[in-house]
Amino acid sequence: MPVEQSGPKTHPESHHTVAQIRDHLVRVGKPISTATIYRQMERFVTDGTVRKYLLETGDSACYEYVGANKHECASHFHCKCEKCGRLIHMDCDELREIQRHLKEHHGFLWNAGRTVFYGICDQCQLA
């Protein structure tokens, strides 16, 4: 069974590890080897339908289905909750202004799609 039938494509705008995909497939009665999932995810990364995130050394990679919106991720920023681990997409004009400033005044092109801010999400702050 191809991974895309029950992987990131069915959950756009969210990020999943290979272990989460494997666990989901086991729960729905369609187990597949971890190695097969890794190979398929790398194919998706290569063809541009899935974006791969390596957030911290030692953490598992996260994958996000981007499909036809391959360049959308470059237009927003990411926040990672240090409590629950959730990766949040954030569109913010103020950060775009900082990005513009860095390019115009310092000659530095900031890659928003690879920039991650760490902190505590609103849900974990309430818990």
PDB file of N, CA and C in Angstrom:
ATOM      1  N   MET A   1       0.835  -1.189   0.000  1.00  0.00           N
ATOM      2  CA  MET A   1       0.000   0.000   0.000  1.00  0.00           C
ATOM      3  C   MET A   1       0.871   1.239   0.000  1.00  0.00           C
ATOM      4  N   PRO A   2       0.654   2.169  -0.902  1.00  0.00           N
ATOM      5  CA  PRO A   2       1.436   3.405  -0.895  1.00  0.00           C
ATOM      6  C   PRO A   2       1.163   4.208   0.367  1.00  0.00           C
ATOM      7  N   VAL A   3       2.191   4.802   0.917  1.00  0.00           N
ATOM      8  CA  VAL A   3       2.075   5.581   2.141  1.00  0.00           C
ATOM      9  C   VAL A   3       1.144   6.762   1.960  1.00  0.00           C
ATOM     10  N   GLU A   4       1.109   7.344   0.748  1.00  0.00           N
ATOM     11  CA  GLU A   4       0.321   8.565   0.578  1.00  0.00           C
ATOM     12  C   GLU A   4      -1.158   8.352   0.852  1.00  0.00           C
ATOM     13  N   GLN A   5      -1.657   7.120   0.822  1.00  0.00           N
ATOM     14  CA  GLN A   5      -3.062   6.875   1.094  1.00  0.00           C
ATOM     15  C   GLN A   5      -3.401   7.100   2.563  1.00  0.00           C
ATOM     16  N   SER A   6      -2.411   7.088   3.416  1.00  0.00           N
ATOM     17  CA  SER A   6      -2.698   7.253   4.830  1.00  0.00           C
ATOM     18  C   SER A   6      -1.598   8.016   5.538  1.00  0.00           C
ATOM     19  N   GLY A   7      -0.909   8.861   4.821  1.00  0.00           N
ATOM     20  CA  GLY A   7       0.206   9.599   5.402  1.00  0.00           C
ATOM     21  C   GLY A   7      -0.065  11.079   5.439  1.00  0.00           C
ATOM     22  N   PRO A   8       0.974  11.881   5.242  1.00  0.00           N
ATOM     23  CA  PRO A   8       0.848  13.328   5.355  1.00  0.00           C
ATOM     24  C   PRO A   8      -0.195  13.937   4.422  1.00  0.00           C
ATOM     25  N   LYS A   9      -0.446  13.320   3.278  1.00  0.00           N
ATOM     26  CA  LYS A   9      -1.399  13.891   2.331  1.00  0.00           C
ATOM     27  C   LYS A   9      -2.796  13.990   2.935  1.00  0.00           C
ATOM     28  N   THR A  10      -3.145  13.051   3.821  1.00  0.00           N
ATOM     29  CA  THR A  10      -4.473  13.080   4.428  1.00  0.00           C
ATOM     30  C   THR A  10      -4.550  14.069   5.579  1.00  0.00           C
ATOM     31  N   HIS A  11      -3.416  14.688   5.945  1.00  0.00           N
ATOM     32  CA  HIS A  11      -3.365  15.657   7.038  1.00  0.00           C
ATOM     33  C   HIS A  11      -2.528  16.865   6.637  1.00  0.00           C
ATOM     34  N   PRO A  12      -2.970  17.635   5.626  1.00  0.00           N
ATOM     35  CA  PRO A  12      -2.182  18.802   5.244  1.00  0.00           C
ATOM     36  C   PRO A  12      -2.077  19.789   6.393  1.00  0.00           C
ATOM     37  N   GLU A  13      -1.025  20.601   6.375  1.00  0.00           N
ATOM     38  CA  GLU A  13      -0.780  21.602   7.407  1.00  0.00           C
ATOM     39  C   GLU A  13      -0.363  21.011   8.739  1.00  0.00           C
ATOM     40  N   SER A  14      -0.062  19.716   8.792  1.00  0.00           N
ATOM     41  CA  SER A  14       0.442  19.134  10.028  1.00  0.00           C
ATOM     42  C   SER A  14       1.725  18.382   9.723  1.00  0.00           C
ATOM     43  N   HIS A  15       2.469  18.091  10.766  1.00  0.00           N
ATOM     44  CA  HIS A  15       3.786  17.489  10.624  1.00  0.00           C
ATOM     45  C   HIS A  15       3.784  16.138  11.316  1.00  0.00           C
ATOM     46  N   HIS A  16       4.381  15.146  10.675  1.00  0.00           N
ATOM     47  CA  HIS A  16       4.377  13.796  11.215  1.00  0.00           C
ATOM     48  C   HIS A  16       5.765  13.177  11.109  1.00  0.00           C
ATOM     49  N   THR A  17       6.115  12.377  12.101  1.00  0.00           N
ATOM     50  CA  THR A  17       7.341  11.599  12.022  1.00  0.00           C
ATOM     51  C   THR A  17       7.020  10.268  11.363  1.00  0.00           C
ATOM     52  N   VAL A  18       8.054   9.561  10.942  1.00  0.00           N
ATOM     53  CA  VAL A  18       7.853   8.231  10.361  1.00  0.00           C
ATOM     54  C   VAL A  18       7.208   7.316  11.403  1.00  0.00           C
ATOM     55  N   ALA A  19       7.606   7.435  12.661  1.00  0.00           N
ATOM     56  CA  ALA A  19       7.011   6.601  13.719  1.00  0.00           C
ATOM     57  C   ALA A  19       5.515   6.874  13.846  1.00  0.00           C
ATOM     58  N   GLN A  20       5.106   8.136  13.759  1.00  0.00           N
ATOM     59  CA  GLN A  20       3.677   8.466  13.835  1.00  0.00           C
ATOM     60  C   GLN A  20       2.921   7.894  12.643  1.00  0.00           C
ATOM     61  N   ILE A  21       3.514   7.963  11.465  1.00  0.00           N
ATOM     62  CA  ILE A  21       2.879   7.405  10.266  1.00  0.00           C
ATOM     63  C   ILE A  21       2.758   5.892  10.417  1.00  0.00           C
ATOM     64  N   ARG A  22       3.837   5.248  10.856  1.00  0.00           N
ATOM     65  CA  ARG A  22       3.812   3.798  11.067  1.00  0.00           C
ATOM     66  C   ARG A  22       2.737   3.413  12.076  1.00  0.00           C
ATOM     67  N   ASP A  23       2.675   4.114  13.207  1.00  0.00           N
ATOM     68  CA  ASP A  23       1.680   3.814  14.242  1.00  0.00           C
ATOM     69  C   ASP A  23       0.263   3.977  13.708  1.00  0.00           C
ATOM     70  N   HIS A  24       0.047   5.014  12.911  1.00  0.00           N
ATOM     71  CA  HIS A  24      -1.270   5.230  12.312  1.00  0.00           C
ATOM     72  C   HIS A  24      -1.636   4.067  11.392  1.00  0.00           C
ATOM     73  N   LEU A  25      -0.699   3.660  10.564  1.00  0.00           N
ATOM     74  CA  LEU A  25      -0.965   2.556   9.636  1.00  0.00           C
ATOM     75  C   LEU A  25      -1.263   1.265  10.382  1.00  0.00           C
ATOM     76  N   VAL A  26      -0.573   1.026  11.487  1.00  0.00           N
ATOM     77  CA  VAL A  26      -0.854  -0.162  12.307  1.00  0.00           C
ATOM     78  C   VAL A  26      -2.276  -0.065  12.876  1.00  0.00           C
ATOM     79  N   ARG A  27      -2.646   1.120  13.383  1.00  0.00           N
ATOM     80  CA  ARG A  27      -3.986   1.311  13.966  1.00  0.00           C
ATOM     81  C   ARG A  27      -5.097   1.072  12.960  1.00  0.00           C
ATOM     82  N   VAL A  28      -4.869   1.444  11.705  1.00  0.00           N
ATOM     83  CA  VAL A  28      -5.916   1.259  10.692  1.00  0.00           C
ATOM     84  C   VAL A  28      -5.801  -0.097   9.988  1.00  0.00           C
ATOM     85  N   GLY A  29      -4.935  -0.971  10.516  1.00  0.00           N
ATOM     86  CA  GLY A  29      -4.832  -2.324   9.978  1.00  0.00           C
ATOM     87  C   GLY A  29      -4.057  -2.453   8.691  1.00  0.00           C
ATOM     88  N   LYS A  30      -3.150  -1.523   8.440  1.00  0.00           N
ATOM     89  CA  LYS A  30      -2.335  -1.559   7.215  1.00  0.00           C
ATOM     90  C   LYS A  30      -0.865  -1.392   7.570  1.00  0.00           C
ATOM     91  N   PRO A  31      -0.328  -2.341   8.336  1.00  0.00           N
ATOM     92  CA  PRO A  31       1.076  -2.195   8.746  1.00  0.00           C
ATOM     93  C   PRO A  31       2.023  -2.232   7.546  1.00  0.00           C
ATOM     94  N   ILE A  32       3.091  -1.467   7.676  1.00  0.00           N
ATOM     95  CA  ILE A  32       4.107  -1.390   6.630  1.00  0.00           C
ATOM     96  C   ILE A  32       5.441  -1.180   7.347  1.00  0.00           C
ATOM     97  N   SER A  33       6.503  -1.644   6.791  1.00  0.00           N
ATOM     98  CA  SER A  33       7.790  -1.544   7.482  1.00  0.00           C
ATOM     99  C   SER A  33       8.263  -0.094   7.569  1.00  0.00           C
ATOM    100  N   THR A  34       8.980   0.187   8.628  1.00  0.00           N
ATOM    101  CA  THR A  34       9.528   1.526   8.829  1.00  0.00           C
ATOM    102  C   THR A  34      10.455   1.911   7.684  1.00  0.00           C
ATOM    103  N   ALA A  35      11.258   0.964   7.225  1.00  0.00           N
ATOM    104  CA  ALA A  35      12.186   1.240   6.115  1.00  0.00           C
ATOM    105  C   ALA A  35      11.427   1.633   4.850  1.00  0.00           C
ATOM    106  N   THR A  36      10.305   0.978   4.598  1.00  0.00           N
ATOM    107  CA  THR A  36       9.496   1.310   3.422  1.00  0.00           C
ATOM    108  C   THR A  36       8.928   2.719   3.546  1.00  0.00           C
ATOM    109  N   ILE A  37       8.487   3.073   4.738  1.00  0.00           N
ATOM    110  CA  ILE A  37       7.951   4.421   4.954  1.00  0.00           C
ATOM    111  C   ILE A  37       9.044   5.457   4.730  1.00  0.00           C
ATOM    112  N   TYR A  38      10.242   5.211   5.295  1.00  0.00           N
ATOM    113  CA  TYR A  38      11.349   6.152   5.082  1.00  0.00           C
ATOM    114  C   TYR A  38      11.651   6.318   3.593  1.00  0.00           C
ATOM    115  N   ARG A  39      11.720   5.204   2.859  1.00  0.00           N
ATOM    116  CA  ARG A  39      12.008   5.292   1.415  1.00  0.00           C
ATOM    117  C   ARG A  39      10.937   6.101   0.688  1.00  0.00           C
ATOM    118  N   GLN A  40       9.679   5.824   1.007  1.00  0.00           N
ATOM    119  CA  GLN A  40       8.590   6.546   0.343  1.00  0.00           C
ATOM    120  C   GLN A  40       8.616   8.030   0.695  1.00  0.00           C
ATOM    121  N   MET A  41       8.861   8.355   1.968  1.00  0.00           N
ATOM    122  CA  MET A  41       8.904   9.757   2.369  1.00  0.00           C
ATOM    123  C   MET A  41      10.046  10.481   1.653  1.00  0.00           C
ATOM    124  N   GLU A  42      11.191   9.837   1.515  1.00  0.00           N
ATOM    125  CA  GLU A  42      12.310  10.462   0.793  1.00  0.00           C
ATOM    126  C   GLU A  42      11.965  10.684  -0.675  1.00  0.00           C
ATOM    127  N   ARG A  43      11.187   9.763  -1.271  1.00  0.00           N
ATOM    128  CA  ARG A  43      10.720   9.986  -2.656  1.00  0.00           C
ATOM    129  C   ARG A  43       9.831  11.222  -2.725  1.00  0.00           C
ATOM    130  N   PHE A  44       8.928  11.346  -1.739  1.00  0.00           N
ATOM    131  CA  PHE A  44       8.044  12.519  -1.704  1.00  0.00           C
ATOM    132  C   PHE A  44       8.847  13.804  -1.515  1.00  0.00           C
ATOM    133  N   VAL A  45       9.884  13.752  -0.686  1.00  0.00           N
ATOM    134  CA  VAL A  45      10.735  14.927  -0.467  1.00  0.00           C
ATOM    135  C   VAL A  45      11.440  15.285  -1.772  1.00  0.00           C
ATOM    136  N   THR A  46      11.974  14.285  -2.446  1.00  0.00           N
ATOM    137  CA  THR A  46      12.683  14.504  -3.709  1.00  0.00           C
ATOM    138  C   THR A  46      11.776  15.108  -4.770  1.00  0.00           C
ATOM    139  N   ASP A  47      10.522  14.624  -4.845  1.00  0.00           N
ATOM    140  CA  ASP A  47       9.634  15.166  -5.874  1.00  0.00           C
ATOM    141  C   ASP A  47       8.933  16.455  -5.438  1.00  0.00           C
ATOM    142  N   GLY A  48       9.164  16.867  -4.195  1.00  0.00           N
ATOM    143  CA  GLY A  48       8.662  18.153  -3.733  1.00  0.00           C
ATOM    144  C   GLY A  48       7.257  18.154  -3.167  1.00  0.00           C
ATOM    145  N   THR A  49       6.615  16.993  -3.034  1.00  0.00           N
ATOM    146  CA  THR A  49       5.258  16.978  -2.494  1.00  0.00           C
ATOM    147  C   THR A  49       5.238  16.930  -0.967  1.00  0.00           C
ATOM    148  N   VAL A  50       6.388  16.630  -0.370  1.00  0.00           N
ATOM    149  CA  VAL A  50       6.511  16.593   1.093  1.00  0.00           C
ATOM    150  C   VAL A  50       7.745  17.384   1.477  1.00  0.00           C
ATOM    151  N   ARG A  51       7.632  18.176   2.528  1.00  0.00           N
ATOM    152  CA  ARG A  51       8.772  18.918   3.057  1.00  0.00           C
ATOM    153  C   ARG A  51       9.258  18.210   4.312  1.00  0.00           C
ATOM    154  N   LYS A  52      10.575  18.090   4.442  1.00  0.00           N
ATOM    155  CA  LYS A  52      11.197  17.419   5.577  1.00  0.00           C
ATOM    156  C   LYS A  52      11.805  18.463   6.503  1.00  0.00           C
ATOM    157  N   TYR A  53      11.529  18.335   7.798  1.00  0.00           N
ATOM    158  CA  TYR A  53      12.068  19.241   8.810  1.00  0.00           C
ATOM    159  C   TYR A  53      12.959  18.463   9.757  1.00  0.00           C
ATOM    160  N   LEU A  54      14.160  18.947   9.972  1.00  0.00           N
ATOM    161  CA  LEU A  54      15.053  18.432  11.001  1.00  0.00           C
ATOM    162  C   LEU A  54      15.192  19.552  12.021  1.00  0.00           C
ATOM    163  N   LEU A  55      14.453  19.445  13.105  1.00  0.00           N
ATOM    164  CA  LEU A  55      14.373  20.562  14.035  1.00  0.00           C
ATOM    165  C   LEU A  55      15.522  20.605  15.019  1.00  0.00           C
ATOM    166  N   GLU A  56      15.852  19.485  15.607  1.00  0.00           N
ATOM    167  CA  GLU A  56      16.907  19.462  16.608  1.00  0.00           C
ATOM    168  C   GLU A  56      17.760  18.216  16.409  1.00  0.00           C
ATOM    169  N   THR A  57      19.018  18.307  16.755  1.00  0.00           N
ATOM    170  CA  THR A  57      19.900  17.160  16.664  1.00  0.00           C
ATOM    171  C   THR A  57      19.351  16.046  17.537  1.00  0.00           C
ATOM    172  N   GLY A  58      19.236  14.875  16.980  1.00  0.00           N
ATOM    173  CA  GLY A  58      18.746  13.732  17.726  1.00  0.00           C
ATOM    174  C   GLY A  58      17.247  13.528  17.626  1.00  0.00           C
ATOM    175  N   ASP A  59      16.496  14.536  17.194  1.00  0.00           N
ATOM    176  CA  ASP A  59      15.051  14.381  17.013  1.00  0.00           C
ATOM    177  C   ASP A  59      14.781  13.678  15.691  1.00  0.00           C
ATOM    178  N   SER A  60      13.638  13.027  15.623  1.00  0.00           N
ATOM    179  CA  SER A  60      13.203  12.441  14.365  1.00  0.00           C
ATOM    180  C   SER A  60      12.788  13.548  13.410  1.00  0.00           C
ATOM    181  N   ALA A  61      12.985  13.317  12.142  1.00  0.00           N
ATOM    182  CA  ALA A  61      12.545  14.280  11.134  1.00  0.00           C
ATOM    183  C   ALA A  61      11.025  14.325  11.119  1.00  0.00           C
ATOM    184  N   CYS A  62      10.484  15.494  10.827  1.00  0.00           N
ATOM    185  CA  CYS A  62       9.043  15.668  10.636  1.00  0.00           C
ATOM    186  C   CYS A  62       8.806  15.873   9.157  1.00  0.00           C
ATOM    187  N   TYR A  63       7.667  15.393   8.686  1.00  0.00           N
ATOM    188  CA  TYR A  63       7.311  15.538   7.290  1.00  0.00           C
ATOM    189  C   TYR A  63       5.971  16.258   7.191  1.00  0.00           C
ATOM    190  N   GLU A  64       5.871  17.148   6.200  1.00  0.00           N
ATOM    191  CA  GLU A  64       4.633  17.875   5.955  1.00  0.00           C
ATOM    192  C   GLU A  64       4.281  17.757   4.486  1.00  0.00           C
ATOM    193  N   TYR A  65       3.046  17.377   4.209  1.00  0.00           N
ATOM    194  CA  TYR A  65       2.565  17.318   2.831  1.00  0.00           C
ATOM    195  C   TYR A  65       2.350  18.742   2.331  1.00  0.00           C
ATOM    196  N   VAL A  66       2.961  19.084   1.196  1.00  0.00           N
ATOM    197  CA  VAL A  66       2.768  20.407   0.610  1.00  0.00           C
ATOM    198  C   VAL A  66       2.112  20.337  -0.755  1.00  0.00           C
ATOM    199  N   GLY A  67       2.136  19.187  -1.385  1.00  0.00           N
ATOM    200  CA  GLY A  67       1.451  18.983  -2.655  1.00  0.00           C
ATOM    201  C   GLY A  67       1.720  20.063  -3.666  1.00  0.00           C
ATOM    202  N   ALA A  68       0.643  20.648  -4.203  1.00  0.00           N
ATOM    203  CA  ALA A  68       0.755  21.687  -5.221  1.00  0.00           C
ATOM    204  C   ALA A  68       1.236  23.008  -4.642  1.00  0.00           C
ATOM    205  N   ASN A  69       1.190  23.156  -3.325  1.00  0.00           N
ATOM    206  CA  ASN A  69       1.599  24.399  -2.667  1.00  0.00           C
ATOM    207  C   ASN A  69       3.062  24.333  -2.239  1.00  0.00           C
ATOM    208  N   LYS A  70       3.926  23.876  -3.103  1.00  0.00           N
ATOM    209  CA  LYS A  70       5.316  23.605  -2.770  1.00  0.00           C
ATOM    210  C   LYS A  70       6.071  24.802  -2.228  1.00  0.00           C
ATOM    211  N   HIS A  71       5.708  26.005  -2.616  1.00  0.00           N
ATOM    212  CA  HIS A  71       6.476  27.169  -2.197  1.00  0.00           C
ATOM    213  C   HIS A  71       5.820  27.929  -1.053  1.00  0.00           C
ATOM    214  N   GLU A  72       4.641  27.493  -0.612  1.00  0.00           N
ATOM    215  CA  GLU A  72       3.925  28.186   0.452  1.00  0.00           C
ATOM    216  C   GLU A  72       4.709  28.215   1.758  1.00  0.00           C
ATOM    217  N   CYS A  73       5.424  27.145   2.060  1.00  0.00           N
ATOM    218  CA  CYS A  73       6.114  27.064   3.339  1.00  0.00           C
ATOM    219  C   CYS A  73       7.184  28.142   3.465  1.00  0.00           C
ATOM    220  N   ALA A  74       7.727  28.578   2.371  1.00  0.00           N
ATOM    221  CA  ALA A  74       8.749  29.621   2.419  1.00  0.00           C
ATOM    222  C   ALA A  74       8.146  30.960   2.813  1.00  0.00           C
ATOM    223  N   SER A  75       6.812  31.064   2.786  1.00  0.00           N
ATOM    224  CA  SER A  75       6.185  32.342   3.086  1.00  0.00           C
ATOM    225  C   SER A  75       5.715  32.444   4.532  1.00  0.00           C
ATOM    226  N   HIS A  76       5.920  31.416   5.338  1.00  0.00           N
ATOM    227  CA  HIS A  76       5.538  31.518   6.740  1.00  0.00           C
ATOM    228  C   HIS A  76       6.645  30.985   7.637  1.00  0.00           C
ATOM    229  N   PHE A  77       6.492  31.221   8.912  1.00  0.00           N
ATOM    230  CA  PHE A  77       7.488  30.859   9.906  1.00  0.00           C
ATOM    231  C   PHE A  77       6.956  29.704  10.746  1.00  0.00           C
ATOM    232  N   HIS A  78       7.818  29.130  11.556  1.00  0.00           N
ATOM    233  CA  HIS A  78       7.425  27.991  12.382  1.00  0.00           C
ATOM    234  C   HIS A  78       7.754  28.259  13.838  1.00  0.00           C
ATOM    235  N   CYS A  79       6.858  27.806  14.706  1.00  0.00           N
ATOM    236  CA  CYS A  79       7.076  27.851  16.148  1.00  0.00           C
ATOM    237  C   CYS A  79       6.950  26.425  16.655  1.00  0.00           C
ATOM    238  N   LYS A  80       7.876  26.009  17.520  1.00  0.00           N
ATOM    239  CA  LYS A  80       7.809  24.669  18.094  1.00  0.00           C
ATOM    240  C   LYS A  80       7.611  24.790  19.595  1.00  0.00           C
ATOM    241  N   CYS A  81       6.559  24.131  20.091  1.00  0.00           N
ATOM    242  CA  CYS A  81       6.285  24.145  21.522  1.00  0.00           C
ATOM    243  C   CYS A  81       7.257  23.207  22.229  1.00  0.00           C
ATOM    244  N   GLU A  82       7.929  23.733  23.225  1.00  0.00           N
ATOM    245  CA  GLU A  82       8.908  22.945  23.969  1.00  0.00           C
ATOM    246  C   GLU A  82       8.243  21.989  24.964  1.00  0.00           C
ATOM    247  N   LYS A  83       6.943  22.130  25.176  1.00  0.00           N
ATOM    248  CA  LYS A  83       6.226  21.216  26.073  1.00  0.00           C
ATOM    249  C   LYS A  83       5.602  20.055  25.313  1.00  0.00           C
ATOM    250  N   CYS A  84       4.761  20.375  24.325  1.00  0.00           N
ATOM    251  CA  CYS A  84       4.022  19.305  23.621  1.00  0.00           C
ATOM    252  C   CYS A  84       4.679  18.902  22.307  1.00  0.00           C
ATOM    253  N   GLY A  85       5.639  19.694  21.816  1.00  0.00           N
ATOM    254  CA  GLY A  85       6.340  19.362  20.579  1.00  0.00           C
ATOM    255  C   GLY A  85       5.625  19.761  19.309  1.00  0.00           C
ATOM    256  N   ARG A  86       4.470  20.390  19.423  1.00  0.00           N
ATOM    257  CA  ARG A  86       3.692  20.792  18.247  1.00  0.00           C
ATOM    258  C   ARG A  86       4.483  21.810  17.428  1.00  0.00           C
ATOM    259  N   LEU A  87       4.439  21.650  16.097  1.00  0.00           N
ATOM    260  CA  LEU A  87       5.061  22.602  15.176  1.00  0.00           C
ATOM    261  C   LEU A  87       3.944  23.423  14.552  1.00  0.00           C
ATOM    262  N   ILE A  88       4.003  24.737  14.729  1.00  0.00           N
ATOM    263  CA  ILE A  88       2.922  25.639  14.350  1.00  0.00           C
ATOM    264  C   ILE A  88       3.385  26.534  13.206  1.00  0.00           C
ATOM    265  N   HIS A  89       2.552  26.655  12.172  1.00  0.00           N
ATOM    266  CA  HIS A  89       2.812  27.592  11.074  1.00  0.00           C
ATOM    267  C   HIS A  89       2.339  28.961  11.519  1.00  0.00           C
ATOM    268  N   MET A  90       3.152  29.980  11.248  1.00  0.00           N
ATOM    269  CA  MET A  90       2.801  31.319  11.687  1.00  0.00           C
ATOM    270  C   MET A  90       3.042  32.304  10.541  1.00  0.00           C
ATOM    271  N   ASP A  91       1.985  32.974  10.147  1.00  0.00           N
ATOM    272  CA  ASP A  91       2.098  34.065   9.185  1.00  0.00           C
ATOM    273  C   ASP A  91       2.148  35.358   9.985  1.00  0.00           C
ATOM    274  N   CYS A  92       3.194  36.150   9.769  1.00  0.00           N
ATOM    275  CA  CYS A  92       3.379  37.337  10.601  1.00  0.00           C
ATOM    276  C   CYS A  92       4.057  38.433   9.784  1.00  0.00           C
ATOM    277  N   ASP A  93       3.343  39.533   9.606  1.00  0.00           N
ATOM    278  CA  ASP A  93       3.892  40.653   8.836  1.00  0.00           C
ATOM    279  C   ASP A  93       5.115  41.267   9.506  1.00  0.00           C
ATOM    280  N   GLU A  94       5.144  41.299  10.834  1.00  0.00           N
ATOM    281  CA  GLU A  94       6.284  41.871  11.547  1.00  0.00           C
ATOM    282  C   GLU A  94       7.562  41.070  11.280  1.00  0.00           C
ATOM    283  N   LEU A  95       7.448  39.733  11.255  1.00  0.00           N
ATOM    284  CA  LEU A  95       8.627  38.918  10.958  1.00  0.00           C
ATOM    285  C   LEU A  95       9.053  39.075   9.500  1.00  0.00           C
ATOM    286  N   ARG A  96       8.086  39.244   8.606  1.00  0.00           N
ATOM    287  CA  ARG A  96       8.428  39.505   7.202  1.00  0.00           C
ATOM    288  C   ARG A  96       9.196  40.820   7.084  1.00  0.00           C
ATOM    289  N   GLU A  97       8.829  41.793   7.915  1.00  0.00           N
ATOM    290  CA  GLU A  97       9.536  43.071   7.925  1.00  0.00           C
ATOM    291  C   GLU A  97      10.982  42.882   8.389  1.00  0.00           C
ATOM    292  N   ILE A  98      11.192  42.058   9.401  1.00  0.00           N
ATOM    293  CA  ILE A  98      12.560  41.747   9.862  1.00  0.00           C
ATOM    294  C   ILE A  98      13.316  41.027   8.745  1.00  0.00           C
ATOM    295  N   GLN A  99      12.635  40.114   8.077  1.00  0.00           N
ATOM    296  CA  GLN A  99      13.253  39.386   6.964  1.00  0.00           C
ATOM    297  C   GLN A  99      13.683  40.365   5.866  1.00  0.00           C
ATOM    298  N   ARG A 100      12.806  41.308   5.532  1.00  0.00           N
ATOM    299  CA  ARG A 100      13.124  42.321   4.524  1.00  0.00           C
ATOM    300  C   ARG A 100      14.303  43.183   4.984  1.00  0.00           C
ATOM    301  N   HIS A 101      14.291  43.598   6.248  1.00  0.00           N
ATOM    302  CA  HIS A 101      15.365  44.420   6.801  1.00  0.00           C
ATOM    303  C   HIS A 101      16.710  43.695   6.708  1.00  0.00           C
ATOM    304  N   LEU A 102      16.732  42.427   7.085  1.00  0.00           N
ATOM    305  CA  LEU A 102      17.983  41.658   7.017  1.00  0.00           C
ATOM    306  C   LEU A 102      18.535  41.620   5.594  1.00  0.00           C
ATOM    307  N   LYS A 103      17.651  41.452   4.619  1.00  0.00           N
ATOM    308  CA  LYS A 103      18.104  41.388   3.229  1.00  0.00           C
ATOM    309  C   LYS A 103      18.593  42.751   2.738  1.00  0.00           C
ATOM    310  N   GLU A 104      17.791  43.793   2.980  1.00  0.00           N
ATOM    311  CA  GLU A 104      18.123  45.116   2.452  1.00  0.00           C
ATOM    312  C   GLU A 104      19.302  45.780   3.158  1.00  0.00           C
ATOM    313  N   HIS A 105      19.411  45.622   4.466  1.00  0.00           N
ATOM    314  CA  HIS A 105      20.423  46.344   5.232  1.00  0.00           C
ATOM    315  C   HIS A 105      21.646  45.510   5.611  1.00  0.00           C
ATOM    316  N   HIS A 106      21.521  44.202   5.516  1.00  0.00           N
ATOM    317  CA  HIS A 106      22.635  43.353   5.938  1.00  0.00           C
ATOM    318  C   HIS A 106      23.017  42.313   4.886  1.00  0.00           C
ATOM    319  N   GLY A 107      22.296  42.309   3.771  1.00  0.00           N
ATOM    320  CA  GLY A 107      22.617  41.379   2.691  1.00  0.00           C
ATOM    321  C   GLY A 107      22.402  39.917   3.051  1.00  0.00           C
ATOM    322  N   PHE A 108      21.543  39.679   4.041  1.00  0.00           N
ATOM    323  CA  PHE A 108      21.314  38.308   4.506  1.00  0.00           C
ATOM    324  C   PHE A 108      19.920  37.863   4.125  1.00  0.00           C
ATOM    325  N   LEU A 109      19.830  36.751   3.405  1.00  0.00           N
ATOM    326  CA  LEU A 109      18.547  36.211   2.984  1.00  0.00           C
ATOM    327  C   LEU A 109      18.107  35.146   3.977  1.00  0.00           C
ATOM    328  N   TRP A 110      17.136  35.478   4.790  1.00  0.00           N
ATOM    329  CA  TRP A 110      16.598  34.621   5.841  1.00  0.00           C
ATOM    330  C   TRP A 110      15.632  33.617   5.225  1.00  0.00           C
ATOM    331  N   ASN A 111      15.847  32.346   5.461  1.00  0.00           N
ATOM    332  CA  ASN A 111      14.996  31.282   4.940  1.00  0.00           C
ATOM    333  C   ASN A 111      13.882  31.011   5.957  1.00  0.00           C
ATOM    334  N   ALA A 112      12.723  31.623   5.743  1.00  0.00           N
ATOM    335  CA  ALA A 112      11.599  31.490   6.677  1.00  0.00           C
ATOM    336  C   ALA A 112      11.140  30.044   6.812  1.00  0.00           C
ATOM    337  N   GLY A 113      11.174  29.296   5.730  1.00  0.00           N
ATOM    338  CA  GLY A 113      10.729  27.903   5.765  1.00  0.00           C
ATOM    339  C   GLY A 113      11.589  27.014   6.634  1.00  0.00           C
ATOM    340  N   ARG A 114      12.801  27.462   6.955  1.00  0.00           N
ATOM    341  CA  ARG A 114      13.695  26.670   7.797  1.00  0.00           C
ATOM    342  C   ARG A 114      13.934  27.320   9.157  1.00  0.00           C
ATOM    343  N   THR A 115      13.225  28.402   9.428  1.00  0.00           N
ATOM    344  CA  THR A 115      13.409  29.108  10.693  1.00  0.00           C
ATOM    345  C   THR A 115      12.376  28.617  11.691  1.00  0.00           C
ATOM    346  N   VAL A 116      12.838  28.239  12.884  1.00  0.00           N
ATOM    347  CA  VAL A 116      11.952  27.730  13.931  1.00  0.00           C
ATOM    348  C   VAL A 116      12.178  28.532  15.206  1.00  0.00           C
ATOM    349  N   PHE A 117      11.087  29.055  15.756  1.00  0.00           N
ATOM    350  CA  PHE A 117      11.124  29.740  17.043  1.00  0.00           C
ATOM    351  C   PHE A 117      10.655  28.753  18.108  1.00  0.00           C
ATOM    352  N   TYR A 118      11.364  28.696  19.219  1.00  0.00           N
ATOM    353  CA  TYR A 118      11.030  27.769  20.295  1.00  0.00           C
ATOM    354  C   TYR A 118      10.386  28.516  21.447  1.00  0.00           C
ATOM    355  N   GLY A 119       9.385  27.916  22.062  1.00  0.00           N
ATOM    356  CA  GLY A 119       8.696  28.510  23.197  1.00  0.00           C
ATOM    357  C   GLY A 119       7.581  27.588  23.650  1.00  0.00           C
ATOM    358  N   ILE A 120       6.563  28.172  24.282  1.00  0.00           N
ATOM    359  CA  ILE A 120       5.437  27.405  24.807  1.00  0.00           C
ATOM    360  C   ILE A 120       4.165  27.868  24.095  1.00  0.00           C
ATOM    361  N   CYS A 121       3.424  26.921  23.493  1.00  0.00           N
ATOM    362  CA  CYS A 121       2.215  27.272  22.749  1.00  0.00           C
ATOM    363  C   CYS A 121       1.111  27.730  23.695  1.00  0.00           C
ATOM    364  N   ASP A 122       0.085  28.345  23.110  1.00  0.00           N
ATOM    365  CA  ASP A 122      -1.014  28.883  23.917  1.00  0.00           C
ATOM    366  C   ASP A 122      -1.745  27.793  24.692  1.00  0.00           C
ATOM    367  N   GLN A 123      -1.897  26.608  24.109  1.00  0.00           N
ATOM    368  CA  GLN A 123      -2.583  25.514  24.801  1.00  0.00           C
ATOM    369  C   GLN A 123      -1.807  25.041  26.019  1.00  0.00           C
ATOM    370  N   CYS A 124      -0.489  24.907  25.887  1.00  0.00           N
ATOM    371  CA  CYS A 124       0.335  24.455  27.008  1.00  0.00           C
ATOM    372  C   CYS A 124       0.450  25.534  28.090  1.00  0.00           C
ATOM    373  N   GLN A 125       0.351  26.800  27.702  1.00  0.00           N
ATOM    374  CA  GLN A 125       0.397  27.878  28.700  1.00  0.00           C
ATOM    375  C   GLN A 125      -0.831  27.808  29.605  1.00  0.00           C
ATOM    376  N   LEU A 126      -1.945  27.326  29.061  1.00  0.00           N
ATOM    377  CA  LEU A 126      -3.181  27.242  29.843  1.00  0.00           C
ATOM    378  C   LEU A 126      -3.242  25.986  30.705  1.00  0.00           C
ATOM    379  N   ALA A 127      -2.462  25.000  30.344  1.00  0.00           N
ATOM    380  CA  ALA A 127      -2.505  23.720  31.075  1.00  0.00           C
ATOM    381  C   ALA A 127      -1.820  23.795  32.418  1.00  0.00           C
TER     382      ALA A 127
END
